[in-house]
Amino acid sequence: MFRASDPSTIMIAESILRSAQVDFLTLGGDAEHPWSSPAGIPVFGRQIEFQVRREDSQDAVSLLADLQAQVDAGDSLSAWDESDEAGDA
């Protein structure tokens, strides 16, 4: 439902969802350490995808709307995946 490659954006999205008690999964890497591989090697530009339960999807979209607007204005590597509003989580 929400994808980002910038480590700061990833951490902010994670913080917003956790603060609102919205359960989520991340695909493509570890949201807590988006800048490194499992071996600890720095990896920049890796895209992390956040997925939420269907019943939380509208809340998550609303919560992350301001962050998405900022991403759209300055980070072309991040995007909403509107084809999968709720994710499969």
N, C-alpha and C. Protein backbone atom coordinates (compact mmCIF):
# COMPACT_ATOMS: atom_id res chain seq x y z
N MET A 1 0.80 -1.20 0.00
CA MET A 1 0.00 0.00 0.00
C MET A 1 0.83 1.26 0.00
N PHE A 2 1.97 1.26 0.67
CA PHE A 2 2.87 2.41 0.66
C PHE A 2 4.27 1.89 0.47
N ARG A 3 5.01 2.52 -0.44
CA ARG A 3 6.40 2.11 -0.70
C ARG A 3 7.30 3.32 -0.58
N ALA A 4 8.49 3.08 -0.07
CA ALA A 4 9.49 4.14 0.04
C ALA A 4 10.87 3.52 -0.03
N SER A 5 11.82 4.29 -0.50
CA SER A 5 13.20 3.83 -0.55
C SER A 5 14.13 4.68 0.31
N ASP A 6 13.67 5.84 0.71
CA ASP A 6 14.47 6.72 1.55
C ASP A 6 14.37 6.26 3.01
N PRO A 7 15.50 5.99 3.67
CA PRO A 7 15.45 5.51 5.05
C PRO A 7 14.67 6.42 6.01
N SER A 8 14.77 7.72 5.83
CA SER A 8 14.03 8.64 6.71
C SER A 8 12.53 8.48 6.51
N THR A 9 12.10 8.39 5.27
CA THR A 9 10.69 8.22 4.96
C THR A 9 10.17 6.90 5.52
N ILE A 10 10.97 5.87 5.41
CA ILE A 10 10.59 4.55 5.92
C ILE A 10 10.39 4.61 7.44
N MET A 11 11.32 5.24 8.13
CA MET A 11 11.21 5.33 9.59
C MET A 11 10.03 6.19 10.03
N ILE A 12 9.75 7.26 9.29
CA ILE A 12 8.61 8.11 9.61
C ILE A 12 7.30 7.34 9.40
N ALA A 13 7.18 6.63 8.28
CA ALA A 13 5.97 5.85 8.02
C ALA A 13 5.77 4.80 9.11
N GLU A 14 6.84 4.13 9.48
CA GLU A 14 6.76 3.14 10.54
C GLU A 14 6.29 3.78 11.84
N SER A 15 6.84 4.92 12.19
CA SER A 15 6.47 5.62 13.42
C SER A 15 5.00 6.03 13.41
N ILE A 16 4.53 6.55 12.28
CA ILE A 16 3.13 6.98 12.17
C ILE A 16 2.20 5.79 12.37
N LEU A 17 2.48 4.68 11.70
CA LEU A 17 1.61 3.51 11.81
C LEU A 17 1.65 2.91 13.22
N ARG A 18 2.84 2.83 13.81
CA ARG A 18 2.94 2.29 15.17
C ARG A 18 2.21 3.19 16.17
N SER A 19 2.35 4.50 16.03
CA SER A 19 1.69 5.44 16.94
C SER A 19 0.17 5.30 16.90
N ALA A 20 -0.35 5.00 15.72
CA ALA A 20 -1.79 4.83 15.55
C ALA A 20 -2.24 3.39 15.83
N GLN A 21 -1.29 2.55 16.23
CA GLN A 21 -1.55 1.15 16.53
C GLN A 21 -2.14 0.41 15.33
N VAL A 22 -1.61 0.72 14.15
CA VAL A 22 -2.00 0.02 12.93
C VAL A 22 -0.95 -1.06 12.68
N ASP A 23 -1.37 -2.32 12.69
CA ASP A 23 -0.45 -3.42 12.42
C ASP A 23 -0.04 -3.38 10.95
N PHE A 24 1.23 -3.67 10.69
CA PHE A 24 1.72 -3.67 9.32
C PHE A 24 2.83 -4.69 9.16
N LEU A 25 3.07 -5.05 7.93
CA LEU A 25 4.20 -5.88 7.53
C LEU A 25 5.04 -5.08 6.56
N THR A 26 6.31 -5.38 6.49
CA THR A 26 7.15 -4.76 5.47
C THR A 26 7.70 -5.84 4.56
N LEU A 27 7.75 -5.53 3.29
CA LEU A 27 8.32 -6.42 2.29
C LEU A 27 9.51 -5.71 1.66
N GLY A 28 10.53 -6.47 1.34
CA GLY A 28 11.68 -5.91 0.66
C GLY A 28 12.81 -5.52 1.58
N GLY A 29 12.63 -5.71 2.87
CA GLY A 29 13.69 -5.37 3.81
C GLY A 29 13.14 -5.13 5.19
N ASP A 30 14.02 -4.72 6.05
CA ASP A 30 13.70 -4.48 7.45
C ASP A 30 13.43 -2.99 7.65
N ALA A 31 12.23 -2.64 8.06
CA ALA A 31 11.88 -1.23 8.25
C ALA A 31 12.73 -0.58 9.34
N GLU A 32 13.20 -1.37 10.30
CA GLU A 32 14.01 -0.79 11.37
C GLU A 32 15.44 -0.51 10.92
N HIS A 33 15.90 -1.22 9.90
CA HIS A 33 17.26 -1.02 9.38
C HIS A 33 17.24 -1.00 7.86
N PRO A 34 16.52 -0.05 7.25
CA PRO A 34 16.34 -0.06 5.79
C PRO A 34 17.61 0.26 5.02
N TRP A 35 18.62 0.72 5.70
CA TRP A 35 19.85 1.13 5.03
C TRP A 35 20.88 0.02 4.97
N SER A 36 20.59 -1.18 5.50
CA SER A 36 21.59 -2.24 5.46
C SER A 36 20.97 -3.58 5.09
N SER A 37 21.81 -4.44 4.57
CA SER A 37 21.39 -5.80 4.22
C SER A 37 21.46 -6.66 5.47
N PRO A 38 20.96 -7.90 5.42
CA PRO A 38 21.07 -8.77 6.59
C PRO A 38 22.51 -8.96 7.06
N ALA A 39 23.47 -8.82 6.15
CA ALA A 39 24.88 -8.96 6.52
C ALA A 39 25.46 -7.66 7.06
N GLY A 40 24.63 -6.61 7.15
CA GLY A 40 25.09 -5.33 7.68
C GLY A 40 25.75 -4.44 6.64
N ILE A 41 25.69 -4.82 5.38
CA ILE A 41 26.30 -4.04 4.31
C ILE A 41 25.34 -2.91 3.93
N PRO A 42 25.82 -1.66 3.87
CA PRO A 42 24.93 -0.55 3.51
C PRO A 42 24.31 -0.74 2.13
N VAL A 43 23.00 -0.55 2.06
CA VAL A 43 22.27 -0.66 0.80
C VAL A 43 21.33 0.54 0.74
N PHE A 44 21.55 1.42 -0.23
CA PHE A 44 20.70 2.59 -0.37
C PHE A 44 19.80 2.40 -1.59
N GLY A 45 18.61 2.93 -1.53
CA GLY A 45 17.68 2.84 -2.64
C GLY A 45 16.83 1.60 -2.64
N ARG A 46 16.98 0.74 -1.65
CA ARG A 46 16.13 -0.45 -1.57
C ARG A 46 14.72 -0.01 -1.21
N GLN A 47 13.76 -0.54 -1.92
CA GLN A 47 12.38 -0.13 -1.68
C GLN A 47 11.72 -1.06 -0.66
N ILE A 48 11.14 -0.45 0.35
CA ILE A 48 10.39 -1.17 1.39
C ILE A 48 8.91 -0.92 1.13
N GLU A 49 8.12 -1.98 1.16
CA GLU A 49 6.68 -1.84 0.98
C GLU A 49 5.98 -2.15 2.29
N PHE A 50 5.12 -1.23 2.71
CA PHE A 50 4.31 -1.42 3.91
C PHE A 50 2.95 -1.98 3.49
N GLN A 51 2.50 -3.02 4.17
CA GLN A 51 1.18 -3.58 3.92
C GLN A 51 0.42 -3.63 5.24
N VAL A 52 -0.88 -3.35 5.18
CA VAL A 52 -1.73 -3.38 6.36
C VAL A 52 -2.93 -4.29 6.08
N ARG A 53 -3.65 -4.62 7.14
CA ARG A 53 -4.86 -5.42 6.98
C ARG A 53 -5.92 -4.61 6.24
N ARG A 54 -6.79 -5.31 5.55
CA ARG A 54 -7.86 -4.65 4.79
C ARG A 54 -8.66 -3.69 5.67
N GLU A 55 -8.98 -4.11 6.87
CA GLU A 55 -9.80 -3.26 7.73
C GLU A 55 -9.07 -2.00 8.19
N ASP A 56 -7.76 -1.97 8.06
CA ASP A 56 -6.97 -0.80 8.44
C ASP A 56 -6.54 0.05 7.26
N SER A 57 -6.86 -0.37 6.05
CA SER A 57 -6.29 0.27 4.87
C SER A 57 -6.68 1.74 4.73
N GLN A 58 -7.95 2.08 4.95
CA GLN A 58 -8.36 3.48 4.81
C GLN A 58 -7.71 4.35 5.88
N ASP A 59 -7.62 3.84 7.10
CA ASP A 59 -6.95 4.59 8.16
C ASP A 59 -5.48 4.82 7.81
N ALA A 60 -4.82 3.78 7.31
CA ALA A 60 -3.40 3.89 6.97
C ALA A 60 -3.18 4.91 5.86
N VAL A 61 -4.02 4.87 4.84
CA VAL A 61 -3.90 5.83 3.73
C VAL A 61 -4.06 7.26 4.27
N SER A 62 -5.04 7.46 5.14
CA SER A 62 -5.26 8.80 5.73
C SER A 62 -4.08 9.23 6.58
N LEU A 63 -3.58 8.31 7.40
CA LEU A 63 -2.46 8.63 8.28
C LEU A 63 -1.20 9.00 7.51
N LEU A 64 -0.99 8.34 6.38
CA LEU A 64 0.24 8.55 5.61
C LEU A 64 0.08 9.54 4.47
N ALA A 65 -1.09 10.17 4.34
CA ALA A 65 -1.35 11.07 3.21
C ALA A 65 -0.39 12.25 3.17
N ASP A 66 -0.13 12.89 4.31
CA ASP A 66 0.79 14.03 4.33
C ASP A 66 2.21 13.60 3.98
N LEU A 67 2.62 12.45 4.50
CA LEU A 67 3.95 11.94 4.18
C LEU A 67 4.03 11.63 2.69
N GLN A 68 2.98 11.04 2.14
CA GLN A 68 2.98 10.75 0.71
C GLN A 68 3.10 12.01 -0.13
N ALA A 69 2.41 13.08 0.28
CA ALA A 69 2.50 14.34 -0.45
C ALA A 69 3.93 14.88 -0.44
N GLN A 70 4.61 14.76 0.69
CA GLN A 70 6.00 15.21 0.77
C GLN A 70 6.90 14.35 -0.10
N VAL A 71 6.64 13.04 -0.09
CA VAL A 71 7.42 12.12 -0.93
C VAL A 71 7.22 12.46 -2.40
N ASP A 72 5.97 12.68 -2.78
CA ASP A 72 5.67 12.99 -4.18
C ASP A 72 6.37 14.27 -4.64
N ALA A 73 6.54 15.20 -3.71
CA ALA A 73 7.17 16.47 -4.06
C ALA A 73 8.69 16.36 -4.19
N GLY A 74 9.29 15.32 -3.58
CA GLY A 74 10.75 15.30 -3.61
C GLY A 74 11.43 13.97 -3.77
N ASP A 75 10.72 12.86 -3.73
CA ASP A 75 11.37 11.55 -3.80
C ASP A 75 10.67 10.70 -4.84
N SER A 76 11.22 10.63 -6.04
CA SER A 76 10.57 9.90 -7.12
C SER A 76 10.67 8.40 -6.96
N LEU A 77 11.44 7.91 -5.97
CA LEU A 77 11.56 6.47 -5.77
C LEU A 77 10.47 5.91 -4.88
N SER A 78 9.62 6.74 -4.31
CA SER A 78 8.57 6.28 -3.41
C SER A 78 7.21 6.50 -4.06
N ALA A 79 6.29 5.58 -3.79
CA ALA A 79 4.96 5.72 -4.40
C ALA A 79 3.93 4.88 -3.68
N TRP A 80 2.68 5.30 -3.79
CA TRP A 80 1.56 4.47 -3.34
C TRP A 80 1.33 3.43 -4.40
N ASP A 81 0.97 2.25 -3.99
CA ASP A 81 0.56 1.22 -4.92
C ASP A 81 -0.95 1.16 -4.84
N GLU A 82 -1.64 1.95 -5.65
CA GLU A 82 -3.08 2.04 -5.58
C GLU A 82 -3.76 0.79 -6.12
N SER A 83 -3.05 -0.06 -6.84
CA SER A 83 -3.65 -1.27 -7.34
C SER A 83 -3.90 -2.27 -6.23
N ASP A 84 -3.26 -2.09 -5.08
CA ASP A 84 -3.41 -3.00 -3.96
C ASP A 84 -3.67 -2.18 -2.71
N GLU A 85 -4.87 -1.62 -2.60
CA GLU A 85 -5.20 -0.70 -1.52
C GLU A 85 -4.97 -1.28 -0.15
N ALA A 86 -5.26 -2.54 0.05
CA ALA A 86 -5.22 -3.10 1.39
C ALA A 86 -4.05 -4.03 1.60
N GLY A 87 -3.39 -4.45 0.56
CA GLY A 87 -2.33 -5.42 0.73
C GLY A 87 -2.94 -6.79 1.01
N ASP A 88 -2.10 -7.75 1.16
CA ASP A 88 -2.57 -9.11 1.42
C ASP A 88 -2.30 -9.53 2.85
N ALA A 89 -1.88 -8.59 3.67
CA ALA A 89 -1.55 -8.92 5.05
C ALA A 89 -2.79 -9.07 5.90
